[in-house]
Amino acid sequence: MERDIRIDILKGIGILLVVWGHATAILIKEICIFHMPLFFFLAGMFYHPKQGFIQSRAKRLLIPFGEYSLIFAVFYFSMGLQGIPLDKLSIHHIAAFDGPLWFLVALFYICVMYYFLDKTVKKKNVILIVSFVIGLAVAYSKINLPFYIGQGLFSLPFYAVGKWMNDKGLTQAEGAIKKATVIAIAGYIIAIAFCRLAHYQFDISQLKFSSFPFIFYAGAFCAIYLLLNFKPFNKITTPNRILASLGANSLTIMAIHAPFLWLFRDFIRTNSSFYDTKLGGGNFKLNHFCYLHNIELFNCPWNRTIKKTDS
């Protein structure tokens, strides 16, 4: 079966936004509305319950999680780096050594849950309803389940809708319906307005859904619809080939980009010639980097040191 370059293009856009979101705060609220839901949605499009499905998902998702976690744990400690304290490793943060890997574990749970729903529920439309009930229950209960189970439960609807839309032929690159496009644009703008006015950032990894998680769902699906029906992605161009190449290697990029960003920040921390430039003092720049990254990935222990030095 020929690989669908359009899907790789969308994955390429998604992984670029993931890296962007971990490297800068620019447009982070707008990006977080849909960039991780996009990956869950695309995964659902390719759900095929073959024999040994759960074993194959474990091999494809959990084994890479373990391998990358071990590699970077050994790397950090062998380098004597202190940016990721061991006390961050817990049942609620098993991806302490490589933060973005939470996605692989959550996706595994989603695949397993959907597989059992698919085998037990005859009416496929009912699966959609059950998926949203589960997701909203997690959001409103605010229970922090271990091992990223909560993240997986909340994200189940994205996977389910991806499967449903693909079965209905609604993910084909035939151009968007004008009315649906207008509604999707309006829905995404409403989600952006909510985040901006409420000073809120949706974040699946941190279980941050606000008191209105349905806005998250609606905004994400609207943005995904617009991406699926963006006509320039249907053409074979050089930019699209680059995006498709990134998309085809999105799992590797997902796994390795965060440690490299950490090393870059560590270089900035230790290279005084960089942060003593005309761009501003070290306190501003290093605290800015900490603000961008330590929320999800890493702890920045040099904040207190800088403040003492400045005083």
C-alpha atoms as a PDB file:
ATOM      1  CA  MET A   1       0.000   0.000   0.000  1.00  0.00           C
ATOM      2  CA  GLU A   2       1.394   3.376  -1.070  1.00  0.00           C
ATOM      3  CA  ARG A   3       2.191   5.754   1.777  1.00  0.00           C
ATOM      4  CA  ASP A   4      -0.098   8.795   1.945  1.00  0.00           C
ATOM      5  CA  ILE A   5       2.255  11.771   1.755  1.00  0.00           C
ATOM      6  CA  ARG A   6      -0.517  14.096   2.947  1.00  0.00           C
ATOM      7  CA  ILE A   7      -0.635  12.317   6.301  1.00  0.00           C
ATOM      8  CA  ASP A   8       3.139  12.573   6.634  1.00  0.00           C
ATOM      9  CA  ILE A   9       2.859  16.282   5.842  1.00  0.00           C
ATOM     10  CA  LEU A  10       0.367  16.734   8.678  1.00  0.00           C
ATOM     11  CA  LYS A  11       2.615  14.752  11.022  1.00  0.00           C
ATOM     12  CA  GLY A  12       5.521  16.932   9.907  1.00  0.00           C
ATOM     13  CA  ILE A  13       3.573  20.065  10.792  1.00  0.00           C
ATOM     14  CA  GLY A  14       2.609  18.509  14.101  1.00  0.00           C
ATOM     15  CA  ILE A  15       6.162  17.619  15.096  1.00  0.00           C
ATOM     16  CA  LEU A  16       7.452  21.050  14.068  1.00  0.00           C
ATOM     17  CA  LEU A  17       4.850  22.612  16.343  1.00  0.00           C
ATOM     18  CA  VAL A  18       5.852  20.268  19.180  1.00  0.00           C
ATOM     19  CA  VAL A  19       9.476  21.366  18.894  1.00  0.00           C
ATOM     20  CA  TRP A  20       8.421  25.003  18.500  1.00  0.00           C
ATOM     21  CA  GLY A  21       6.271  24.770  21.611  1.00  0.00           C
ATOM     22  CA  HIS A  22       9.209  23.463  23.638  1.00  0.00           C
ATOM     23  CA  ALA A  23      11.596  26.104  22.259  1.00  0.00           C
ATOM     24  CA  THR A  24       9.570  29.299  22.488  1.00  0.00           C
ATOM     25  CA  ALA A  25       6.418  30.720  24.027  1.00  0.00           C
ATOM     26  CA  ILE A  26       5.348  32.470  20.831  1.00  0.00           C
ATOM     27  CA  LEU A  27       1.786  31.424  19.871  1.00  0.00           C
ATOM     28  CA  ILE A  28       1.988  28.574  22.408  1.00  0.00           C
ATOM     29  CA  LYS A  29      -1.664  28.919  23.435  1.00  0.00           C
ATOM     30  CA  GLU A  30      -2.821  28.640  19.829  1.00  0.00           C
ATOM     31  CA  ILE A  31      -0.563  25.659  19.129  1.00  0.00           C
ATOM     32  CA  CYS A  32      -1.498  23.683  22.240  1.00  0.00           C
ATOM     33  CA  ILE A  33      -5.146  23.670  21.206  1.00  0.00           C
ATOM     34  CA  PHE A  34      -4.475  21.123  18.467  1.00  0.00           C
ATOM     35  CA  HIS A  35      -0.878  19.920  18.016  1.00  0.00           C
ATOM     36  CA  MET A  36      -1.059  16.826  20.265  1.00  0.00           C
ATOM     37  CA  PRO A  37      -4.713  16.049  19.413  1.00  0.00           C
ATOM     38  CA  LEU A  38      -3.596  15.991  15.765  1.00  0.00           C
ATOM     39  CA  PHE A  39      -1.248  13.062  16.440  1.00  0.00           C
ATOM     40  CA  PHE A  40      -3.934  11.099  18.291  1.00  0.00           C
ATOM     41  CA  PHE A  41      -6.416  11.804  15.492  1.00  0.00           C
ATOM     42  CA  LEU A  42      -4.017  10.626  12.761  1.00  0.00           C
ATOM     43  CA  ALA A  43      -3.244   7.480  14.754  1.00  0.00           C
ATOM     44  CA  GLY A  44      -6.968   6.713  14.919  1.00  0.00           C
ATOM     45  CA  MET A  45      -7.244   7.016  11.149  1.00  0.00           C
ATOM     46  CA  PHE A  46      -4.971   3.989  10.802  1.00  0.00           C
ATOM     47  CA  TYR A  47      -6.588   1.754  13.380  1.00  0.00           C
ATOM     48  CA  HIS A  48      -6.714  -1.795  12.005  1.00  0.00           C
ATOM     49  CA  PRO A  49      -7.569  -4.499  14.580  1.00  0.00           C
ATOM     50  CA  LYS A  50      -5.408  -7.307  13.258  1.00  0.00           C
ATOM     51  CA  GLN A  51      -4.397 -10.363  15.253  1.00  0.00           C
ATOM     52  CA  GLY A  52      -1.810  -9.445  17.855  1.00  0.00           C
ATOM     53  CA  PHE A  53      -2.864  -5.787  17.747  1.00  0.00           C
ATOM     54  CA  ILE A  54      -2.050  -5.044  21.387  1.00  0.00           C
ATOM     55  CA  GLN A  55       1.318  -6.778  21.174  1.00  0.00           C
ATOM     56  CA  SER A  56       2.206  -4.824  18.041  1.00  0.00           C
ATOM     57  CA  ARG A  57       1.225  -1.525  19.720  1.00  0.00           C
ATOM     58  CA  ALA A  58       3.354  -2.398  22.736  1.00  0.00           C
ATOM     59  CA  LYS A  59       6.309  -3.154  20.461  1.00  0.00           C
ATOM     60  CA  ARG A  60       5.823   0.067  18.503  1.00  0.00           C
ATOM     61  CA  LEU A  61       5.155   2.385  21.455  1.00  0.00           C
ATOM     62  CA  LEU A  62       6.283   1.000  24.827  1.00  0.00           C
ATOM     63  CA  ILE A  63       9.596  -0.483  23.696  1.00  0.00           C
ATOM     64  CA  PRO A  64      10.754   2.832  22.146  1.00  0.00           C
ATOM     65  CA  PHE A  65       9.627   4.587  25.318  1.00  0.00           C
ATOM     66  CA  GLY A  66      11.811   2.295  27.423  1.00  0.00           C
ATOM     67  CA  GLU A  67      14.759   2.457  25.037  1.00  0.00           C
ATOM     68  CA  TYR A  68      14.847   6.256  24.739  1.00  0.00           C
ATOM     69  CA  SER A  69      14.274   6.731  28.466  1.00  0.00           C
ATOM     70  CA  LEU A  70      17.185   4.445  29.278  1.00  0.00           C
ATOM     71  CA  ILE A  71      19.476   6.013  26.689  1.00  0.00           C
ATOM     72  CA  PHE A  72      18.924   9.544  27.933  1.00  0.00           C
ATOM     73  CA  ALA A  73      19.015   8.561  31.607  1.00  0.00           C
ATOM     74  CA  VAL A  74      22.453   7.032  31.051  1.00  0.00           C
ATOM     75  CA  PHE A  75      23.484  10.024  28.964  1.00  0.00           C
ATOM     76  CA  TYR A  76      22.502  12.640  31.530  1.00  0.00           C
ATOM     77  CA  PHE A  77      24.153  10.877  34.436  1.00  0.00           C
ATOM     78  CA  SER A  78      27.290   9.997  32.467  1.00  0.00           C
ATOM     79  CA  MET A  79      27.661  13.675  31.540  1.00  0.00           C
ATOM     80  CA  GLY A  80      27.189  14.701  35.130  1.00  0.00           C
ATOM     81  CA  LEU A  81      24.323  16.994  34.182  1.00  0.00           C
ATOM     82  CA  GLN A  82      22.093  18.149  37.001  1.00  0.00           C
ATOM     83  CA  GLY A  83      19.133  19.517  35.035  1.00  0.00           C
ATOM     84  CA  ILE A  84      16.829  16.562  35.688  1.00  0.00           C
ATOM     85  CA  PRO A  85      16.807  15.599  39.366  1.00  0.00           C
ATOM     86  CA  LEU A  86      15.979  11.994  40.081  1.00  0.00           C
ATOM     87  CA  ASP A  87      13.171  13.053  42.419  1.00  0.00           C
ATOM     88  CA  LYS A  88      11.123  14.147  39.383  1.00  0.00           C
ATOM     89  CA  LEU A  89      10.760  10.501  38.416  1.00  0.00           C
ATOM     90  CA  SER A  90       7.455   9.234  39.816  1.00  0.00           C
ATOM     91  CA  ILE A  91       4.378   7.242  38.863  1.00  0.00           C
ATOM     92  CA  HIS A  92       2.904  10.508  37.563  1.00  0.00           C
ATOM     93  CA  HIS A  93       6.009  11.412  35.571  1.00  0.00           C
ATOM     94  CA  ILE A  94       7.655   8.241  34.293  1.00  0.00           C
ATOM     95  CA  ALA A  95       9.018  10.185  31.314  1.00  0.00           C
ATOM     96  CA  ALA A  96      11.196  12.331  33.572  1.00  0.00           C
ATOM     97  CA  PHE A  97      14.297  11.754  31.464  1.00  0.00           C
ATOM     98  CA  ASP A  98      12.600  12.627  28.183  1.00  0.00           C
ATOM     99  CA  GLY A  99       9.373  14.546  28.782  1.00  0.00           C
ATOM    100  CA  PRO A 100       7.657  14.255  25.368  1.00  0.00           C
ATOM    101  CA  LEU A 101       7.690  10.454  25.607  1.00  0.00           C
ATOM    102  CA  TRP A 102       4.519  10.640  27.709  1.00  0.00           C
ATOM    103  CA  PHE A 103       2.758  10.665  24.342  1.00  0.00           C
ATOM    104  CA  LEU A 104       3.860   7.111  23.507  1.00  0.00           C
ATOM    105  CA  VAL A 105       2.501   5.692  26.758  1.00  0.00           C
ATOM    106  CA  ALA A 106      -0.778   7.597  26.470  1.00  0.00           C
ATOM    107  CA  LEU A 107      -1.221   6.456  22.866  1.00  0.00           C
ATOM    108  CA  PHE A 108      -0.704   2.844  23.914  1.00  0.00           C
ATOM    109  CA  TYR A 109      -3.526   3.129  26.457  1.00  0.00           C
ATOM    110  CA  ILE A 110      -5.742   4.699  23.814  1.00  0.00           C
ATOM    111  CA  CYS A 111      -5.068   1.881  21.349  1.00  0.00           C
ATOM    112  CA  VAL A 112      -5.882  -0.742  23.985  1.00  0.00           C
ATOM    113  CA  MET A 113      -9.052   1.027  25.160  1.00  0.00           C
ATOM    114  CA  TYR A 114     -10.338   1.567  21.645  1.00  0.00           C
ATOM    115  CA  TYR A 115      -9.550  -2.034  20.726  1.00  0.00           C
ATOM    116  CA  PHE A 116     -11.723  -3.341  23.561  1.00  0.00           C
ATOM    117  CA  LEU A 117     -14.504  -0.877  22.743  1.00  0.00           C
ATOM    118  CA  ASP A 118     -14.356  -1.949  19.116  1.00  0.00           C
ATOM    119  CA  LYS A 119     -14.651  -5.602  20.117  1.00  0.00           C
ATOM    120  CA  THR A 120     -17.485  -5.143  22.607  1.00  0.00           C
ATOM    121  CA  VAL A 121     -19.648  -2.348  21.146  1.00  0.00           C
ATOM    122  CA  LYS A 122     -21.492  -3.298  17.963  1.00  0.00           C
ATOM    123  CA  LYS A 123     -22.671   0.187  16.956  1.00  0.00           C
ATOM    124  CA  LYS A 124     -19.620   2.223  16.043  1.00  0.00           C
ATOM    125  CA  ASN A 125     -21.370   5.538  16.620  1.00  0.00           C
ATOM    126  CA  VAL A 126     -21.841   4.493  20.228  1.00  0.00           C
ATOM    127  CA  ILE A 127     -18.065   4.207  20.561  1.00  0.00           C
ATOM    128  CA  LEU A 128     -17.827   7.939  19.830  1.00  0.00           C
ATOM    129  CA  ILE A 129     -20.303   8.734  22.590  1.00  0.00           C
ATOM    130  CA  VAL A 130     -18.569   6.452  25.079  1.00  0.00           C
ATOM    131  CA  SER A 131     -15.190   7.959  24.184  1.00  0.00           C
ATOM    132  CA  PHE A 132     -16.384  11.503  24.870  1.00  0.00           C
ATOM    133  CA  VAL A 133     -18.067  10.454  28.107  1.00  0.00           C
ATOM    134  CA  ILE A 134     -14.782   8.924  29.270  1.00  0.00           C
ATOM    135  CA  GLY A 135     -12.747  11.946  28.198  1.00  0.00           C
ATOM    136  CA  LEU A 136     -15.047  14.489  29.821  1.00  0.00           C
ATOM    137  CA  ALA A 137     -15.271  12.401  32.996  1.00  0.00           C
ATOM    138  CA  VAL A 138     -11.486  12.548  33.333  1.00  0.00           C
ATOM    139  CA  ALA A 139     -11.442  16.295  32.677  1.00  0.00           C
ATOM    140  CA  TYR A 140     -14.166  17.164  35.181  1.00  0.00           C
ATOM    141  CA  SER A 141     -13.079  14.708  37.874  1.00  0.00           C
ATOM    142  CA  LYS A 142      -9.602  16.276  37.955  1.00  0.00           C
ATOM    143  CA  ILE A 143      -8.165  12.976  39.194  1.00  0.00           C
ATOM    144  CA  ASN A 144      -4.451  12.675  38.474  1.00  0.00           C
ATOM    145  CA  LEU A 145      -4.139   9.022  37.467  1.00  0.00           C
ATOM    146  CA  PRO A 146      -0.639   7.498  37.364  1.00  0.00           C
ATOM    147  CA  PHE A 147       1.397   6.384  34.356  1.00  0.00           C
ATOM    148  CA  TYR A 148      -0.329   8.890  32.007  1.00  0.00           C
ATOM    149  CA  ILE A 149      -3.592   6.942  32.145  1.00  0.00           C
ATOM    150  CA  GLY A 150      -5.537  10.195  32.532  1.00  0.00           C
ATOM    151  CA  GLN A 151      -3.844  11.691  29.486  1.00  0.00           C
ATOM    152  CA  GLY A 152      -4.800   8.624  27.474  1.00  0.00           C
ATOM    153  CA  LEU A 153      -8.421   8.584  28.663  1.00  0.00           C
ATOM    154  CA  PHE A 154      -8.915  12.259  27.883  1.00  0.00           C
ATOM    155  CA  SER A 155      -7.375  11.880  24.411  1.00  0.00           C
ATOM    156  CA  LEU A 156      -9.448   8.824  23.468  1.00  0.00           C
ATOM    157  CA  PRO A 157     -12.059  10.928  21.572  1.00  0.00           C
ATOM    158  CA  PHE A 158      -9.413  12.282  19.197  1.00  0.00           C
ATOM    159  CA  TYR A 159      -8.452   8.732  18.240  1.00  0.00           C
ATOM    160  CA  ALA A 160     -12.086   7.623  17.986  1.00  0.00           C
ATOM    161  CA  VAL A 161     -13.101  10.531  15.765  1.00  0.00           C
ATOM    162  CA  GLY A 162     -10.075   9.957  13.541  1.00  0.00           C
ATOM    163  CA  LYS A 163     -11.163   6.346  13.030  1.00  0.00           C
ATOM    164  CA  TRP A 164     -14.817   7.304  12.492  1.00  0.00           C
ATOM    165  CA  MET A 165     -14.071  10.072   9.986  1.00  0.00           C
ATOM    166  CA  ASN A 166     -11.685   7.858   8.046  1.00  0.00           C
ATOM    167  CA  ASP A 167     -14.306   5.098   7.822  1.00  0.00           C
ATOM    168  CA  LYS A 168     -16.837   7.636   6.537  1.00  0.00           C
ATOM    169  CA  GLY A 169     -14.413   8.946   3.930  1.00  0.00           C
ATOM    170  CA  LEU A 170     -14.363  12.361   5.591  1.00  0.00           C
ATOM    171  CA  THR A 171     -10.576  12.577   5.720  1.00  0.00           C
ATOM    172  CA  GLN A 172     -10.041  12.398   1.963  1.00  0.00           C
ATOM    173  CA  ALA A 173      -8.285  15.307   0.289  1.00  0.00           C
ATOM    174  CA  GLU A 174     -11.236  16.495  -1.784  1.00  0.00           C
ATOM    175  CA  GLY A 175     -11.414  20.047  -0.518  1.00  0.00           C
ATOM    176  CA  ALA A 176     -13.414  21.481   2.331  1.00  0.00           C
ATOM    177  CA  ILE A 177     -17.112  22.318   2.326  1.00  0.00           C
ATOM    178  CA  LYS A 178     -17.465  26.101   2.582  1.00  0.00           C
ATOM    179  CA  LYS A 179     -19.973  26.078   5.437  1.00  0.00           C
ATOM    180  CA  ALA A 180     -17.929  23.524   7.370  1.00  0.00           C
ATOM    181  CA  THR A 181     -14.784  25.577   6.804  1.00  0.00           C
ATOM    182  CA  VAL A 182     -16.434  28.737   8.119  1.00  0.00           C
ATOM    183  CA  ILE A 183     -17.668  26.855  11.187  1.00  0.00           C
ATOM    184  CA  ALA A 184     -14.209  25.344  11.755  1.00  0.00           C
ATOM    185  CA  ILE A 185     -12.503  28.736  11.494  1.00  0.00           C
ATOM    186  CA  ALA A 186     -15.017  30.237  13.911  1.00  0.00           C
ATOM    187  CA  GLY A 187     -14.619  27.340  16.345  1.00  0.00           C
ATOM    188  CA  TYR A 188     -10.846  27.605  16.379  1.00  0.00           C
ATOM    189  CA  ILE A 189     -10.987  31.389  16.830  1.00  0.00           C
ATOM    190  CA  ILE A 190     -13.379  30.959  19.768  1.00  0.00           C
ATOM    191  CA  ALA A 191     -10.951  28.504  21.395  1.00  0.00           C
ATOM    192  CA  ILE A 192      -8.090  30.965  20.867  1.00  0.00           C
ATOM    193  CA  ALA A 193     -10.149  33.824  22.300  1.00  0.00           C
ATOM    194  CA  PHE A 194     -10.968  31.745  25.381  1.00  0.00           C
ATOM    195  CA  CYS A 195      -7.280  30.949  25.981  1.00  0.00           C
ATOM    196  CA  ARG A 196      -6.211  34.547  25.481  1.00  0.00           C
ATOM    197  CA  LEU A 197      -8.951  36.175  27.530  1.00  0.00           C
ATOM    198  CA  ALA A 198      -8.717  33.604  30.336  1.00  0.00           C
ATOM    199  CA  HIS A 199      -4.908  33.565  30.187  1.00  0.00           C
ATOM    200  CA  TYR A 200      -5.117  29.790  29.894  1.00  0.00           C
ATOM    201  CA  GLN A 201      -3.080  27.200  28.040  1.00  0.00           C
ATOM    202  CA  PHE A 202      -4.520  23.765  27.318  1.00  0.00           C
ATOM    203  CA  ASP A 203      -2.000  21.025  28.029  1.00  0.00           C
ATOM    204  CA  ILE A 204      -2.814  17.321  27.845  1.00  0.00           C
ATOM    205  CA  SER A 205       0.486  16.246  29.384  1.00  0.00           C
ATOM    206  CA  GLN A 206      -0.220  18.356  32.473  1.00  0.00           C
ATOM    207  CA  LEU A 207      -3.956  17.509  32.504  1.00  0.00           C
ATOM    208  CA  LYS A 208      -4.826  21.183  32.054  1.00  0.00           C
ATOM    209  CA  PHE A 209      -8.289  21.347  30.448  1.00  0.00           C
ATOM    210  CA  SER A 210      -9.836  24.287  32.336  1.00  0.00           C
ATOM    211  CA  SER A 211     -13.433  24.088  33.544  1.00  0.00           C
ATOM    212  CA  PHE A 212     -14.593  23.955  29.930  1.00  0.00           C
ATOM    213  CA  PRO A 213     -12.851  20.950  28.325  1.00  0.00           C
ATOM    214  CA  PHE A 214     -15.429  20.860  25.549  1.00  0.00           C
ATOM    215  CA  ILE A 215     -13.841  24.089  24.251  1.00  0.00           C
ATOM    216  CA  PHE A 216     -10.569  22.166  23.980  1.00  0.00           C
ATOM    217  CA  TYR A 217     -12.240  19.345  22.064  1.00  0.00           C
ATOM    218  CA  ALA A 218     -14.121  21.707  19.756  1.00  0.00           C
ATOM    219  CA  GLY A 219     -11.120  23.916  19.048  1.00  0.00           C
ATOM    220  CA  ALA A 220      -8.889  20.918  18.371  1.00  0.00           C
ATOM    221  CA  PHE A 221     -11.315  19.269  15.958  1.00  0.00           C
ATOM    222  CA  CYS A 222     -11.891  22.551  14.122  1.00  0.00           C
ATOM    223  CA  ALA A 223      -8.157  23.075  13.636  1.00  0.00           C
ATOM    224  CA  ILE A 224      -7.658  19.456  12.538  1.00  0.00           C
ATOM    225  CA  TYR A 225     -10.475  19.792   9.996  1.00  0.00           C
ATOM    226  CA  LEU A 226      -8.833  22.886   8.527  1.00  0.00           C
ATOM    227  CA  LEU A 227      -5.485  21.112   8.245  1.00  0.00           C
ATOM    228  CA  LEU A 228      -7.035  18.040   6.629  1.00  0.00           C
ATOM    229  CA  ASN A 229      -8.678  20.199   3.989  1.00  0.00           C
ATOM    230  CA  PHE A 230      -5.875  22.658   3.313  1.00  0.00           C
ATOM    231  CA  LYS A 231      -5.482  22.297  -0.456  1.00  0.00           C
ATOM    232  CA  PRO A 232      -1.751  23.184  -0.734  1.00  0.00           C
ATOM    233  CA  PHE A 233      -0.978  20.010   1.235  1.00  0.00           C
ATOM    234  CA  ASN A 234      -2.342  17.974  -1.681  1.00  0.00           C
ATOM    235  CA  LYS A 235       0.471  19.072  -3.976  1.00  0.00           C
ATOM    236  CA  ILE A 236       3.918  17.504  -4.316  1.00  0.00           C
ATOM    237  CA  THR A 237       6.196  20.455  -3.678  1.00  0.00           C
ATOM    238  CA  THR A 238       9.636  20.812  -2.108  1.00  0.00           C
ATOM    239  CA  PRO A 239       8.281  22.258   1.173  1.00  0.00           C
ATOM    240  CA  ASN A 240       5.720  19.459   1.348  1.00  0.00           C
ATOM    241  CA  ARG A 241       8.414  16.849   0.734  1.00  0.00           C
ATOM    242  CA  ILE A 242      10.430  18.314   3.608  1.00  0.00           C
ATOM    243  CA  LEU A 243       7.375  18.275   5.876  1.00  0.00           C
ATOM    244  CA  ALA A 244       6.599  14.694   4.816  1.00  0.00           C
ATOM    245  CA  SER A 245      10.157  13.630   5.620  1.00  0.00           C
ATOM    246  CA  LEU A 246       9.858  15.161   9.086  1.00  0.00           C
ATOM    247  CA  GLY A 247       6.497  13.480   9.527  1.00  0.00           C
ATOM    248  CA  ALA A 248       7.847  10.069   8.538  1.00  0.00           C
ATOM    249  CA  ASN A 249      10.476  10.471  11.291  1.00  0.00           C
ATOM    250  CA  SER A 250       8.221  12.186  13.820  1.00  0.00           C
ATOM    251  CA  LEU A 251       8.637   9.519  16.512  1.00  0.00           C
ATOM    252  CA  THR A 252      12.423   9.914  16.501  1.00  0.00           C
ATOM    253  CA  ILE A 253      12.162  13.709  16.523  1.00  0.00           C
ATOM    254  CA  MET A 254       9.604  13.511  19.338  1.00  0.00           C
ATOM    255  CA  ALA A 255      12.071  11.475  21.386  1.00  0.00           C
ATOM    256  CA  ILE A 256      15.338  13.323  20.822  1.00  0.00           C
ATOM    257  CA  HIS A 257      14.473  17.010  20.484  1.00  0.00           C
ATOM    258  CA  ALA A 258      13.911  17.737  24.185  1.00  0.00           C
ATOM    259  CA  PRO A 259      17.343  16.519  25.392  1.00  0.00           C
ATOM    260  CA  PHE A 260      19.016  18.563  22.659  1.00  0.00           C
ATOM    261  CA  LEU A 261      17.080  21.634  23.754  1.00  0.00           C
ATOM    262  CA  TRP A 262      18.247  20.901  27.303  1.00  0.00           C
ATOM    263  CA  LEU A 263      21.866  20.756  26.134  1.00  0.00           C
ATOM    264  CA  PHE A 264      21.420  24.044  24.319  1.00  0.00           C
ATOM    265  CA  ARG A 265      20.076  25.672  27.471  1.00  0.00           C
ATOM    266  CA  ASP A 266      22.924  24.183  29.469  1.00  0.00           C
ATOM    267  CA  PHE A 267      25.366  25.730  26.987  1.00  0.00           C
ATOM    268  CA  ILE A 268      23.703  29.110  27.481  1.00  0.00           C
ATOM    269  CA  ARG A 269      23.888  28.696  31.244  1.00  0.00           C
ATOM    270  CA  THR A 270      27.609  27.947  31.217  1.00  0.00           C
ATOM    271  CA  ASN A 271      28.674  30.312  28.440  1.00  0.00           C
ATOM    272  CA  SER A 272      28.804  33.752  30.039  1.00  0.00           C
ATOM    273  CA  SER A 273      29.848  35.370  26.758  1.00  0.00           C
ATOM    274  CA  PHE A 274      26.394  34.515  25.404  1.00  0.00           C
ATOM    275  CA  TYR A 275      24.189  35.937  28.097  1.00  0.00           C
ATOM    276  CA  ASP A 276      26.349  38.985  28.832  1.00  0.00           C
ATOM    277  CA  THR A 277      25.545  40.495  25.440  1.00  0.00           C
ATOM    278  CA  LYS A 278      23.598  43.618  24.513  1.00  0.00           C
ATOM    279  CA  LEU A 279      20.440  41.549  24.334  1.00  0.00           C
ATOM    280  CA  GLY A 280      20.116  41.720  28.092  1.00  0.00           C
ATOM    281  CA  GLY A 281      21.412  40.352  31.342  1.00  0.00           C
ATOM    282  CA  GLY A 282      21.740  36.673  32.140  1.00  0.00           C
ATOM    283  CA  ASN A 283      18.942  36.836  34.675  1.00  0.00           C
ATOM    284  CA  PHE A 284      16.377  37.805  32.045  1.00  0.00           C
ATOM    285  CA  LYS A 285      17.497  35.334  29.414  1.00  0.00           C
ATOM    286  CA  LEU A 286      18.033  32.322  31.615  1.00  0.00           C
ATOM    287  CA  ASN A 287      14.804  32.818  33.492  1.00  0.00           C
ATOM    288  CA  HIS A 288      13.087  33.180  30.111  1.00  0.00           C
ATOM    289  CA  PHE A 289      14.474  29.793  29.037  1.00  0.00           C
ATOM    290  CA  CYS A 290      13.388  28.266  32.330  1.00  0.00           C
ATOM    291  CA  TYR A 291       9.889  29.642  31.869  1.00  0.00           C
ATOM    292  CA  LEU A 292       9.708  28.124  28.406  1.00  0.00           C
ATOM    293  CA  HIS A 293      10.861  24.658  29.343  1.00  0.00           C
ATOM    294  CA  ASN A 294      10.652  23.637  32.966  1.00  0.00           C
ATOM    295  CA  ILE A 295       6.848  23.540  33.023  1.00  0.00           C
ATOM    296  CA  GLU A 296       6.783  20.230  31.205  1.00  0.00           C
ATOM    297  CA  LEU A 297      10.276  18.927  30.765  1.00  0.00           C
ATOM    298  CA  PHE A 298      13.047  20.069  33.021  1.00  0.00           C
ATOM    299  CA  ASN A 299      13.924  21.797  36.243  1.00  0.00           C
ATOM    300  CA  CYS A 300      16.272  24.759  35.995  1.00  0.00           C
ATOM    301  CA  PRO A 301      18.222  24.890  39.269  1.00  0.00           C
ATOM    302  CA  TRP A 302      20.319  27.887  38.264  1.00  0.00           C
ATOM    303  CA  ASN A 303      17.512  30.443  38.883  1.00  0.00           C
ATOM    304  CA  ARG A 304      18.430  30.934  42.526  1.00  0.00           C
ATOM    305  CA  THR A 305      22.132  31.194  41.651  1.00  0.00           C
ATOM    306  CA  ILE A 306      21.516  33.930  39.126  1.00  0.00           C
ATOM    307  CA  LYS A 307      19.414  35.941  41.519  1.00  0.00           C
ATOM    308  CA  LYS A 308      22.139  35.774  44.158  1.00  0.00           C
ATOM    309  CA  THR A 309      24.755  36.842  41.607  1.00  0.00           C
ATOM    310  CA  ASP A 310      22.667  39.775  40.419  1.00  0.00           C
ATOM    311  CA  SER A 311      22.104  40.984  43.945  1.00  0.00           C
END
